[in-house]
Amino acid sequence: MQTSSKSGILYALTAFTLWAIAPIYFKEMSFIPAQEILAHRIIWSCLIVLVLIILLRYTSALKTVLRSPKTLSAMLISTVLIGFNWGIFIWAIQNNKILSASLGYYINPLISILLGVIFFKDKLDRVRKAAVVLCFCAVAFEVIQFGSLPWIALALAITFGFYGLVRKKVAVDSFTGMAIETAILLPFALAYLILSDSPSTNMFDNSSTVNWLLLASGPITMVPLMCFAAAANRVSLVTLGFFQYIGPTGMFILAVFLYDEPLSPEKLTTFVLIWSALAMLIVDSIRRLRKTKVVKLIDSDDAI
């Protein structure tokens, strides 16, 4: 059990670290249009996940979903959401908006809390209410300071938040879900590559380096997802939740220290408000975790 937990932590660290450094790849691919990279990401991810499903013998799960019109309808919604999320993320990275992407994934847990209240009737305690209020303050501050909504951050947070909501409701495993979603997007991706006048869409005219970089969009998508799925089977969701901040933190560091994106005092204030909200949630989660452990110890002592 302890070995499983340690390997789960290792898988989680790997998954979220890979997501944290993913902007380096998309930044290096800035000479290719964002929508073209998205098309390749869909195509190669689809092929990889279908091979994995066959190798891991997940075909029965895939057949079960394909026989359920209700599940497929829900998966259609999740497909649209993840397609927009991927496209916005790639565009943001290529257009020097890594800080905005980072902010979006910091906001995401707070969006998930709100969705839990709306769709699952979750109740907000004082800590979570304060965290949500701080999030709204951060967005309001952006609007007042810059005169517009932080649409990239909000678009990423909202699309991924609703994506998580839909996937939770349909309860389809990661590989099966990704196979269906990429398969739905596959015809659009192929159509784009066929109809586009971008010179790099014809892989026969590209250098081998460019083609290998385009092919890498598949593993860059699937490897962290596989590690995440392995981690989810070995550690609790609470523990996994603590690792989710590695991604946006890595993006923030890359944006400021590697790509020299301007971090004005006003922008930093927005991040400080969000960080304060997340710090409250983390401290509260640790407190709850310790309280649960104490209760379990008392119950075990009583049983003895």
C-alpha atoms as a PDB file:
ATOM      1  CA  MET A   1       0.000   0.000   0.000  1.00  0.00           C
ATOM      2  CA  GLN A   2       2.843   2.373   0.927  1.00  0.00           C
ATOM      3  CA  THR A   3       4.712   1.469  -2.273  1.00  0.00           C
ATOM      4  CA  SER A   4       1.568   2.170  -4.291  1.00  0.00           C
ATOM      5  CA  SER A   5       1.210   5.561  -2.603  1.00  0.00           C
ATOM      6  CA  LYS A   6       4.849   6.468  -3.325  1.00  0.00           C
ATOM      7  CA  SER A   7       4.536   5.474  -6.976  1.00  0.00           C
ATOM      8  CA  GLY A   8       1.280   7.461  -7.166  1.00  0.00           C
ATOM      9  CA  ILE A   9       3.061  10.574  -5.913  1.00  0.00           C
ATOM     10  CA  LEU A  10       5.816  10.014  -8.470  1.00  0.00           C
ATOM     11  CA  TYR A  11       3.253   9.668 -11.267  1.00  0.00           C
ATOM     12  CA  ALA A  12       1.449  12.821 -10.082  1.00  0.00           C
ATOM     13  CA  LEU A  13       4.697  14.806  -9.952  1.00  0.00           C
ATOM     14  CA  THR A  14       5.569  13.611 -13.454  1.00  0.00           C
ATOM     15  CA  ALA A  15       2.143  14.460 -14.883  1.00  0.00           C
ATOM     16  CA  PHE A  16       1.912  17.957 -13.459  1.00  0.00           C
ATOM     17  CA  THR A  17       5.563  18.776 -14.152  1.00  0.00           C
ATOM     18  CA  LEU A  18       5.085  17.802 -17.799  1.00  0.00           C
ATOM     19  CA  TRP A  19       1.987  20.005 -17.972  1.00  0.00           C
ATOM     20  CA  ALA A  20       3.995  22.819 -16.354  1.00  0.00           C
ATOM     21  CA  ILE A  21       6.731  22.726 -19.009  1.00  0.00           C
ATOM     22  CA  ALA A  22       4.423  22.035 -21.985  1.00  0.00           C
ATOM     23  CA  PRO A  23       4.476  25.749 -22.968  1.00  0.00           C
ATOM     24  CA  ILE A  24       8.131  25.317 -23.969  1.00  0.00           C
ATOM     25  CA  TYR A  25       7.058  22.966 -26.766  1.00  0.00           C
ATOM     26  CA  PHE A  26       4.202  25.161 -28.006  1.00  0.00           C
ATOM     27  CA  LYS A  27       6.445  28.229 -27.817  1.00  0.00           C
ATOM     28  CA  GLU A  28       9.086  26.504 -29.929  1.00  0.00           C
ATOM     29  CA  MET A  29       6.360  25.683 -32.456  1.00  0.00           C
ATOM     30  CA  SER A  30       5.319  29.336 -32.861  1.00  0.00           C
ATOM     31  CA  PHE A  31       6.341  29.217 -36.537  1.00  0.00           C
ATOM     32  CA  ILE A  32       3.355  26.881 -37.099  1.00  0.00           C
ATOM     33  CA  PRO A  33      -0.183  28.365 -36.833  1.00  0.00           C
ATOM     34  CA  ALA A  34      -1.947  27.493 -33.561  1.00  0.00           C
ATOM     35  CA  GLN A  35      -4.894  25.830 -35.318  1.00  0.00           C
ATOM     36  CA  GLU A  36      -2.497  23.638 -37.291  1.00  0.00           C
ATOM     37  CA  ILE A  37      -0.740  22.469 -34.126  1.00  0.00           C
ATOM     38  CA  LEU A  38      -4.166  21.797 -32.630  1.00  0.00           C
ATOM     39  CA  ALA A  39      -5.041  19.640 -35.653  1.00  0.00           C
ATOM     40  CA  HIS A  40      -1.840  17.604 -35.262  1.00  0.00           C
ATOM     41  CA  ARG A  41      -2.411  17.314 -31.517  1.00  0.00           C
ATOM     42  CA  ILE A  42      -5.836  15.813 -32.177  1.00  0.00           C
ATOM     43  CA  ILE A  43      -4.678  13.410 -34.899  1.00  0.00           C
ATOM     44  CA  TRP A  44      -1.641  11.960 -33.141  1.00  0.00           C
ATOM     45  CA  SER A  45      -3.351  11.849 -29.729  1.00  0.00           C
ATOM     46  CA  CYS A  46      -6.211   9.915 -31.301  1.00  0.00           C
ATOM     47  CA  LEU A  47      -3.877   7.360 -32.857  1.00  0.00           C
ATOM     48  CA  ILE A  48      -1.867   6.927 -29.663  1.00  0.00           C
ATOM     49  CA  VAL A  49      -4.887   6.513 -27.405  1.00  0.00           C
ATOM     50  CA  LEU A  50      -6.521   3.985 -29.739  1.00  0.00           C
ATOM     51  CA  VAL A  51      -3.327   1.898 -29.706  1.00  0.00           C
ATOM     52  CA  LEU A  52      -3.217   2.140 -25.902  1.00  0.00           C
ATOM     53  CA  ILE A  53      -6.840   1.039 -25.603  1.00  0.00           C
ATOM     54  CA  ILE A  54      -6.100  -2.072 -27.662  1.00  0.00           C
ATOM     55  CA  LEU A  55      -2.906  -2.850 -25.726  1.00  0.00           C
ATOM     56  CA  LEU A  56      -4.516  -2.238 -22.321  1.00  0.00           C
ATOM     57  CA  ARG A  57      -7.685  -4.092 -23.347  1.00  0.00           C
ATOM     58  CA  TYR A  58     -10.045  -1.179 -22.768  1.00  0.00           C
ATOM     59  CA  THR A  59     -12.044  -2.051 -25.882  1.00  0.00           C
ATOM     60  CA  SER A  60     -15.023  -3.314 -23.864  1.00  0.00           C
ATOM     61  CA  ALA A  61     -15.288   0.067 -22.090  1.00  0.00           C
ATOM     62  CA  LEU A  62     -15.127   1.830 -25.450  1.00  0.00           C
ATOM     63  CA  LYS A  63     -17.881  -0.388 -26.889  1.00  0.00           C
ATOM     64  CA  THR A  64     -20.073   0.269 -23.837  1.00  0.00           C
ATOM     65  CA  VAL A  65     -19.834   4.032 -24.341  1.00  0.00           C
ATOM     66  CA  LEU A  66     -20.462   3.760 -28.091  1.00  0.00           C
ATOM     67  CA  ARG A  67     -23.700   1.854 -27.387  1.00  0.00           C
ATOM     68  CA  SER A  68     -25.012   4.626 -25.103  1.00  0.00           C
ATOM     69  CA  PRO A  69     -26.543   7.615 -26.975  1.00  0.00           C
ATOM     70  CA  LYS A  70     -26.878   9.531 -23.686  1.00  0.00           C
ATOM     71  CA  THR A  71     -23.175   9.131 -22.862  1.00  0.00           C
ATOM     72  CA  LEU A  72     -22.159   9.992 -26.420  1.00  0.00           C
ATOM     73  CA  SER A  73     -24.250  13.174 -26.269  1.00  0.00           C
ATOM     74  CA  ALA A  74     -22.450  14.202 -23.096  1.00  0.00           C
ATOM     75  CA  MET A  75     -19.102  13.314 -24.674  1.00  0.00           C
ATOM     76  CA  LEU A  76     -19.946  15.589 -27.592  1.00  0.00           C
ATOM     77  CA  ILE A  77     -20.200  18.482 -25.128  1.00  0.00           C
ATOM     78  CA  SER A  78     -16.906  17.546 -23.448  1.00  0.00           C
ATOM     79  CA  THR A  79     -15.300  17.334 -26.906  1.00  0.00           C
ATOM     80  CA  VAL A  80     -16.286  20.900 -27.780  1.00  0.00           C
ATOM     81  CA  LEU A  81     -15.017  22.123 -24.397  1.00  0.00           C
ATOM     82  CA  ILE A  82     -11.626  20.397 -24.576  1.00  0.00           C
ATOM     83  CA  GLY A  83     -11.199  21.443 -28.225  1.00  0.00           C
ATOM     84  CA  PHE A  84     -11.699  25.098 -27.325  1.00  0.00           C
ATOM     85  CA  ASN A  85      -9.484  24.716 -24.244  1.00  0.00           C
ATOM     86  CA  TRP A  86      -6.606  23.216 -26.238  1.00  0.00           C
ATOM     87  CA  GLY A  87      -6.952  25.816 -29.007  1.00  0.00           C
ATOM     88  CA  ILE A  88      -7.032  28.802 -26.634  1.00  0.00           C
ATOM     89  CA  PHE A  89      -4.077  27.434 -24.667  1.00  0.00           C
ATOM     90  CA  ILE A  90      -1.892  26.966 -27.760  1.00  0.00           C
ATOM     91  CA  TRP A  91      -2.851  30.410 -29.095  1.00  0.00           C
ATOM     92  CA  ALA A  92      -2.084  32.036 -25.728  1.00  0.00           C
ATOM     93  CA  ILE A  93       1.367  30.437 -25.514  1.00  0.00           C
ATOM     94  CA  GLN A  94       2.273  31.448 -29.066  1.00  0.00           C
ATOM     95  CA  ASN A  95       1.111  35.041 -28.491  1.00  0.00           C
ATOM     96  CA  ASN A  96       3.109  35.700 -25.326  1.00  0.00           C
ATOM     97  CA  LYS A  97       0.156  35.184 -22.980  1.00  0.00           C
ATOM     98  CA  ILE A  98       1.637  32.467 -20.756  1.00  0.00           C
ATOM     99  CA  LEU A  99       0.877  34.565 -17.648  1.00  0.00           C
ATOM    100  CA  SER A 100      -2.786  34.675 -18.668  1.00  0.00           C
ATOM    101  CA  ALA A 101      -2.796  30.898 -19.211  1.00  0.00           C
ATOM    102  CA  SER A 102      -1.191  30.432 -15.802  1.00  0.00           C
ATOM    103  CA  LEU A 103      -3.834  32.643 -14.189  1.00  0.00           C
ATOM    104  CA  GLY A 104      -6.557  30.599 -15.877  1.00  0.00           C
ATOM    105  CA  TYR A 105      -5.369  27.336 -14.341  1.00  0.00           C
ATOM    106  CA  TYR A 106      -4.980  28.998 -10.952  1.00  0.00           C
ATOM    107  CA  ILE A 107      -8.602  30.139 -11.202  1.00  0.00           C
ATOM    108  CA  ASN A 108      -9.813  26.708 -12.328  1.00  0.00           C
ATOM    109  CA  PRO A 109     -10.162  25.141  -8.815  1.00  0.00           C
ATOM    110  CA  LEU A 110     -12.322  28.090  -7.761  1.00  0.00           C
ATOM    111  CA  ILE A 111     -14.497  27.661 -10.856  1.00  0.00           C
ATOM    112  CA  SER A 112     -14.822  23.960  -9.975  1.00  0.00           C
ATOM    113  CA  ILE A 113     -16.026  24.910  -6.478  1.00  0.00           C
ATOM    114  CA  LEU A 114     -18.725  27.139  -7.971  1.00  0.00           C
ATOM    115  CA  LEU A 115     -19.808  24.402 -10.375  1.00  0.00           C
ATOM    116  CA  GLY A 116     -20.029  21.989  -7.454  1.00  0.00           C
ATOM    117  CA  VAL A 117     -22.376  24.393  -5.684  1.00  0.00           C
ATOM    118  CA  ILE A 118     -24.549  24.883  -8.768  1.00  0.00           C
ATOM    119  CA  PHE A 119     -24.738  21.316 -10.094  1.00  0.00           C
ATOM    120  CA  PHE A 120     -24.049  19.098  -7.092  1.00  0.00           C
ATOM    121  CA  LYS A 121     -25.571  21.290  -4.360  1.00  0.00           C
ATOM    122  CA  ASP A 122     -22.244  21.417  -2.509  1.00  0.00           C
ATOM    123  CA  LYS A 123     -22.287  23.803   0.437  1.00  0.00           C
ATOM    124  CA  LEU A 124     -19.692  26.529   0.858  1.00  0.00           C
ATOM    125  CA  ASP A 125     -18.158  26.972   4.291  1.00  0.00           C
ATOM    126  CA  ARG A 126     -16.692  30.317   5.332  1.00  0.00           C
ATOM    127  CA  VAL A 127     -13.243  29.519   3.969  1.00  0.00           C
ATOM    128  CA  ARG A 128     -14.511  28.588   0.517  1.00  0.00           C
ATOM    129  CA  LYS A 129     -16.858  31.579   0.424  1.00  0.00           C
ATOM    130  CA  ALA A 130     -13.908  33.857   1.196  1.00  0.00           C
ATOM    131  CA  ALA A 131     -11.817  32.146  -1.499  1.00  0.00           C
ATOM    132  CA  VAL A 132     -14.527  32.620  -4.124  1.00  0.00           C
ATOM    133  CA  VAL A 133     -14.965  36.278  -3.108  1.00  0.00           C
ATOM    134  CA  LEU A 134     -11.212  36.831  -3.514  1.00  0.00           C
ATOM    135  CA  CYS A 135     -11.407  35.294  -6.987  1.00  0.00           C
ATOM    136  CA  PHE A 136     -14.173  37.697  -7.985  1.00  0.00           C
ATOM    137  CA  CYS A 137     -12.118  40.562  -6.528  1.00  0.00           C
ATOM    138  CA  ALA A 138      -9.166  39.521  -8.694  1.00  0.00           C
ATOM    139  CA  VAL A 139     -11.295  39.520 -11.852  1.00  0.00           C
ATOM    140  CA  ALA A 140     -12.921  42.854 -10.888  1.00  0.00           C
ATOM    141  CA  PHE A 141      -9.462  44.343 -10.266  1.00  0.00           C
ATOM    142  CA  GLU A 142      -8.350  43.278 -13.755  1.00  0.00           C
ATOM    143  CA  VAL A 143     -11.424  44.908 -15.295  1.00  0.00           C
ATOM    144  CA  ILE A 144     -10.870  48.162 -13.369  1.00  0.00           C
ATOM    145  CA  GLN A 145      -7.121  48.321 -14.084  1.00  0.00           C
ATOM    146  CA  PHE A 146      -7.082  47.202 -17.725  1.00  0.00           C
ATOM    147  CA  GLY A 147     -10.623  47.997 -18.823  1.00  0.00           C
ATOM    148  CA  SER A 148     -11.408  44.476 -20.015  1.00  0.00           C
ATOM    149  CA  LEU A 149     -12.048  41.004 -18.699  1.00  0.00           C
ATOM    150  CA  PRO A 150      -9.058  38.628 -18.488  1.00  0.00           C
ATOM    151  CA  TRP A 151     -10.785  36.618 -21.207  1.00  0.00           C
ATOM    152  CA  ILE A 152      -7.933  34.163 -21.861  1.00  0.00           C
ATOM    153  CA  ALA A 153      -7.687  33.184 -18.191  1.00  0.00           C
ATOM    154  CA  LEU A 154     -11.468  32.983 -17.797  1.00  0.00           C
ATOM    155  CA  ALA A 155     -11.931  31.039 -21.053  1.00  0.00           C
ATOM    156  CA  LEU A 156      -9.336  28.444 -20.007  1.00  0.00           C
ATOM    157  CA  ALA A 157     -10.722  28.161 -16.465  1.00  0.00           C
ATOM    158  CA  ILE A 158     -14.375  27.948 -17.546  1.00  0.00           C
ATOM    159  CA  THR A 159     -13.879  25.496 -20.440  1.00  0.00           C
ATOM    160  CA  PHE A 160     -11.718  23.193 -18.321  1.00  0.00           C
ATOM    161  CA  GLY A 161     -14.030  23.549 -15.323  1.00  0.00           C
ATOM    162  CA  PHE A 162     -17.098  22.562 -17.336  1.00  0.00           C
ATOM    163  CA  TYR A 163     -15.082  19.832 -19.053  1.00  0.00           C
ATOM    164  CA  GLY A 164     -14.333  18.327 -15.647  1.00  0.00           C
ATOM    165  CA  LEU A 165     -18.001  18.640 -14.703  1.00  0.00           C
ATOM    166  CA  VAL A 166     -19.208  16.784 -17.810  1.00  0.00           C
ATOM    167  CA  ARG A 167     -16.574  14.067 -17.463  1.00  0.00           C
ATOM    168  CA  LYS A 168     -17.501  13.584 -13.799  1.00  0.00           C
ATOM    169  CA  LYS A 169     -21.160  13.171 -14.706  1.00  0.00           C
ATOM    170  CA  VAL A 170     -20.522  10.597 -17.449  1.00  0.00           C
ATOM    171  CA  ALA A 171     -17.858   8.778 -15.388  1.00  0.00           C
ATOM    172  CA  VAL A 172     -15.875   7.554 -18.406  1.00  0.00           C
ATOM    173  CA  ASP A 173     -12.244   6.561 -17.848  1.00  0.00           C
ATOM    174  CA  SER A 174      -9.481   8.830 -19.179  1.00  0.00           C
ATOM    175  CA  PHE A 175      -8.392   6.667 -22.120  1.00  0.00           C
ATOM    176  CA  THR A 176     -11.885   5.879 -23.365  1.00  0.00           C
ATOM    177  CA  GLY A 177     -12.971   9.488 -23.004  1.00  0.00           C
ATOM    178  CA  MET A 178      -9.922  10.831 -24.815  1.00  0.00           C
ATOM    179  CA  ALA A 179     -10.379   8.275 -27.599  1.00  0.00           C
ATOM    180  CA  ILE A 180     -13.966   9.359 -28.218  1.00  0.00           C
ATOM    181  CA  GLU A 181     -13.214  13.073 -27.963  1.00  0.00           C
ATOM    182  CA  THR A 182     -10.264  12.985 -30.343  1.00  0.00           C
ATOM    183  CA  ALA A 183     -12.171  10.696 -32.719  1.00  0.00           C
ATOM    184  CA  ILE A 184     -15.013  13.233 -32.887  1.00  0.00           C
ATOM    185  CA  LEU A 185     -12.514  16.028 -33.577  1.00  0.00           C
ATOM    186  CA  LEU A 186     -10.483  13.937 -36.049  1.00  0.00           C
ATOM    187  CA  PRO A 187     -12.510  14.737 -39.233  1.00  0.00           C
ATOM    188  CA  PHE A 188     -12.284  18.480 -38.493  1.00  0.00           C
ATOM    189  CA  ALA A 189      -8.538  18.219 -37.895  1.00  0.00           C
ATOM    190  CA  LEU A 190      -8.001  16.310 -41.149  1.00  0.00           C
ATOM    191  CA  ALA A 191     -10.247  18.720 -43.069  1.00  0.00           C
ATOM    192  CA  TYR A 192      -8.227  21.665 -41.787  1.00  0.00           C
ATOM    193  CA  LEU A 193      -4.928  20.133 -42.880  1.00  0.00           C
ATOM    194  CA  ILE A 194      -6.343  19.277 -46.324  1.00  0.00           C
ATOM    195  CA  LEU A 195      -7.926  22.695 -46.959  1.00  0.00           C
ATOM    196  CA  SER A 196      -5.338  24.926 -45.291  1.00  0.00           C
ATOM    197  CA  ASP A 197      -2.887  26.872 -47.436  1.00  0.00           C
ATOM    198  CA  SER A 198      -0.211  26.779 -44.730  1.00  0.00           C
ATOM    199  CA  PRO A 199       3.030  25.449 -46.273  1.00  0.00           C
ATOM    200  CA  SER A 200       3.708  23.129 -43.328  1.00  0.00           C
ATOM    201  CA  THR A 201       0.432  21.174 -43.680  1.00  0.00           C
ATOM    202  CA  ASN A 202       2.040  19.011 -46.367  1.00  0.00           C
ATOM    203  CA  MET A 203       4.353  16.858 -44.268  1.00  0.00           C
ATOM    204  CA  PHE A 204       6.159  15.605 -47.402  1.00  0.00           C
ATOM    205  CA  ASP A 205       7.496  19.134 -47.933  1.00  0.00           C
ATOM    206  CA  ASN A 206       8.600  19.612 -44.318  1.00  0.00           C
ATOM    207  CA  SER A 207      12.020  18.907 -42.893  1.00  0.00           C
ATOM    208  CA  SER A 208      12.286  15.791 -40.742  1.00  0.00           C
ATOM    209  CA  THR A 209      12.794  18.020 -37.679  1.00  0.00           C
ATOM    210  CA  VAL A 210       9.500  19.835 -38.226  1.00  0.00           C
ATOM    211  CA  ASN A 211       7.643  16.565 -38.811  1.00  0.00           C
ATOM    212  CA  TRP A 212       9.068  15.019 -35.642  1.00  0.00           C
ATOM    213  CA  LEU A 213       8.031  18.111 -33.692  1.00  0.00           C
ATOM    214  CA  LEU A 214       4.500  17.859 -35.087  1.00  0.00           C
ATOM    215  CA  LEU A 215       4.338  14.145 -34.236  1.00  0.00           C
ATOM    216  CA  ALA A 216       5.505  14.988 -30.698  1.00  0.00           C
ATOM    217  CA  SER A 217       2.210  16.819 -30.063  1.00  0.00           C
ATOM    218  CA  GLY A 218       0.634  13.401 -29.480  1.00  0.00           C
ATOM    219  CA  PRO A 219       2.996  12.123 -26.767  1.00  0.00           C
ATOM    220  CA  ILE A 220       3.088  15.591 -25.173  1.00  0.00           C
ATOM    221  CA  THR A 221      -0.681  15.272 -24.765  1.00  0.00           C
ATOM    222  CA  MET A 222      -0.909  11.606 -23.804  1.00  0.00           C
ATOM    223  CA  VAL A 223       2.112  10.939 -21.547  1.00  0.00           C
ATOM    224  CA  PRO A 224       1.046  13.321 -18.745  1.00  0.00           C
ATOM    225  CA  LEU A 225      -2.524  12.077 -19.088  1.00  0.00           C
ATOM    226  CA  MET A 226      -1.349   8.488 -18.624  1.00  0.00           C
ATOM    227  CA  CYS A 227       0.712   9.487 -15.578  1.00  0.00           C
ATOM    228  CA  PHE A 228      -2.258  11.351 -14.157  1.00  0.00           C
ATOM    229  CA  ALA A 229      -4.522   8.320 -14.621  1.00  0.00           C
ATOM    230  CA  ALA A 230      -1.917   6.105 -12.911  1.00  0.00           C
ATOM    231  CA  ALA A 231      -1.637   8.594 -10.033  1.00  0.00           C
ATOM    232  CA  ALA A 232      -5.418   8.796  -9.604  1.00  0.00           C
ATOM    233  CA  ASN A 233      -5.525   5.024  -9.078  1.00  0.00           C
ATOM    234  CA  ARG A 234      -2.845   5.145  -6.370  1.00  0.00           C
ATOM    235  CA  VAL A 235      -3.431   8.285  -4.277  1.00  0.00           C
ATOM    236  CA  SER A 236      -6.527  10.062  -2.976  1.00  0.00           C
ATOM    237  CA  LEU A 237      -8.120  12.923  -4.905  1.00  0.00           C
ATOM    238  CA  VAL A 238      -7.306  15.218  -1.976  1.00  0.00           C
ATOM    239  CA  THR A 239      -3.613  14.400  -2.296  1.00  0.00           C
ATOM    240  CA  LEU A 240      -3.829  14.736  -6.067  1.00  0.00           C
ATOM    241  CA  GLY A 241      -5.426  18.136  -5.636  1.00  0.00           C
ATOM    242  CA  PHE A 242      -2.307  19.536  -3.998  1.00  0.00           C
ATOM    243  CA  PHE A 243      -0.256  18.704  -7.086  1.00  0.00           C
ATOM    244  CA  GLN A 244      -2.520  20.592  -9.505  1.00  0.00           C
ATOM    245  CA  TYR A 245      -0.842  23.902  -8.663  1.00  0.00           C
ATOM    246  CA  ILE A 246       2.488  22.685 -10.080  1.00  0.00           C
ATOM    247  CA  GLY A 247       1.184  23.313 -13.605  1.00  0.00           C
ATOM    248  CA  PRO A 248       0.247  27.000 -13.370  1.00  0.00           C
ATOM    249  CA  THR A 249       3.229  27.701 -11.095  1.00  0.00           C
ATOM    250  CA  GLY A 250       5.586  26.273 -13.706  1.00  0.00           C
ATOM    251  CA  MET A 251       3.883  28.371 -16.393  1.00  0.00           C
ATOM    252  CA  PHE A 252       4.221  31.485 -14.238  1.00  0.00           C
ATOM    253  CA  ILE A 253       7.956  30.867 -13.752  1.00  0.00           C
ATOM    254  CA  LEU A 254       8.479  30.234 -17.475  1.00  0.00           C
ATOM    255  CA  ALA A 255       6.561  33.380 -18.429  1.00  0.00           C
ATOM    256  CA  VAL A 256       8.446  35.697 -16.081  1.00  0.00           C
ATOM    257  CA  PHE A 257      11.955  34.240 -16.006  1.00  0.00           C
ATOM    258  CA  LEU A 258      12.380  32.495 -19.371  1.00  0.00           C
ATOM    259  CA  TYR A 259      10.157  34.426 -21.780  1.00  0.00           C
ATOM    260  CA  ASP A 260      10.316  37.847 -20.057  1.00  0.00           C
ATOM    261  CA  GLU A 261       6.592  38.505 -20.139  1.00  0.00           C
ATOM    262  CA  PRO A 262       5.943  41.821 -18.347  1.00  0.00           C
ATOM    263  CA  LEU A 263       4.671  41.373 -14.781  1.00  0.00           C
ATOM    264  CA  SER A 264       3.345  44.784 -13.817  1.00  0.00           C
ATOM    265  CA  PRO A 265       2.417  45.594 -10.191  1.00  0.00           C
ATOM    266  CA  GLU A 266      -1.232  45.535 -11.265  1.00  0.00           C
ATOM    267  CA  LYS A 267      -0.903  42.077 -12.806  1.00  0.00           C
ATOM    268  CA  LEU A 268       0.980  40.839  -9.763  1.00  0.00           C
ATOM    269  CA  THR A 269      -1.872  42.098  -7.552  1.00  0.00           C
ATOM    270  CA  THR A 270      -4.282  39.883  -9.502  1.00  0.00           C
ATOM    271  CA  PHE A 271      -2.048  36.872  -8.910  1.00  0.00           C
ATOM    272  CA  VAL A 272      -1.644  37.705  -5.211  1.00  0.00           C
ATOM    273  CA  LEU A 273      -5.431  37.771  -4.777  1.00  0.00           C
ATOM    274  CA  ILE A 274      -5.768  34.366  -6.488  1.00  0.00           C
ATOM    275  CA  TRP A 275      -2.799  32.926  -4.577  1.00  0.00           C
ATOM    276  CA  SER A 276      -4.378  34.099  -1.311  1.00  0.00           C
ATOM    277  CA  ALA A 277      -7.620  32.336  -2.204  1.00  0.00           C
ATOM    278  CA  LEU A 278      -5.788  29.126  -3.087  1.00  0.00           C
ATOM    279  CA  ALA A 279      -3.654  29.314   0.081  1.00  0.00           C
ATOM    280  CA  MET A 280      -6.858  29.438   2.123  1.00  0.00           C
ATOM    281  CA  LEU A 281      -8.173  26.347   0.324  1.00  0.00           C
ATOM    282  CA  ILE A 282      -4.916  24.435   0.771  1.00  0.00           C
ATOM    283  CA  VAL A 283      -4.678  25.227   4.507  1.00  0.00           C
ATOM    284  CA  ASP A 284      -8.334  24.269   4.949  1.00  0.00           C
ATOM    285  CA  SER A 285      -7.797  20.987   3.062  1.00  0.00           C
ATOM    286  CA  ILE A 286      -4.791  20.125   5.248  1.00  0.00           C
ATOM    287  CA  ARG A 287      -6.819  20.894   8.366  1.00  0.00           C
ATOM    288  CA  ARG A 288      -9.667  18.658   7.193  1.00  0.00           C
ATOM    289  CA  LEU A 289      -7.229  15.891   6.278  1.00  0.00           C
ATOM    290  CA  ARG A 290      -5.644  15.949   9.727  1.00  0.00           C
ATOM    291  CA  LYS A 291      -9.054  16.006  11.385  1.00  0.00           C
ATOM    292  CA  THR A 292     -10.133  12.955   9.370  1.00  0.00           C
ATOM    293  CA  LYS A 293      -6.963  11.073  10.376  1.00  0.00           C
ATOM    294  CA  VAL A 294      -7.546  11.888  14.069  1.00  0.00           C
ATOM    295  CA  VAL A 295     -11.142  10.621  13.846  1.00  0.00           C
ATOM    296  CA  LYS A 296      -9.977   7.388  12.191  1.00  0.00           C
ATOM    297  CA  LEU A 297      -7.357   6.856  14.906  1.00  0.00           C
ATOM    298  CA  ILE A 298      -9.949   7.362  17.644  1.00  0.00           C
ATOM    299  CA  ASP A 299     -12.337   4.955  15.937  1.00  0.00           C
ATOM    300  CA  SER A 300      -9.601   2.322  15.588  1.00  0.00           C
ATOM    301  CA  ASP A 301      -8.693   2.698  19.284  1.00  0.00           C
ATOM    302  CA  ASP A 302     -12.337   2.292  20.251  1.00  0.00           C
ATOM    303  CA  ALA A 303     -12.565  -0.841  18.116  1.00  0.00           C
ATOM    304  CA  ILE A 304      -9.588  -2.337  19.935  1.00  0.00           C
END
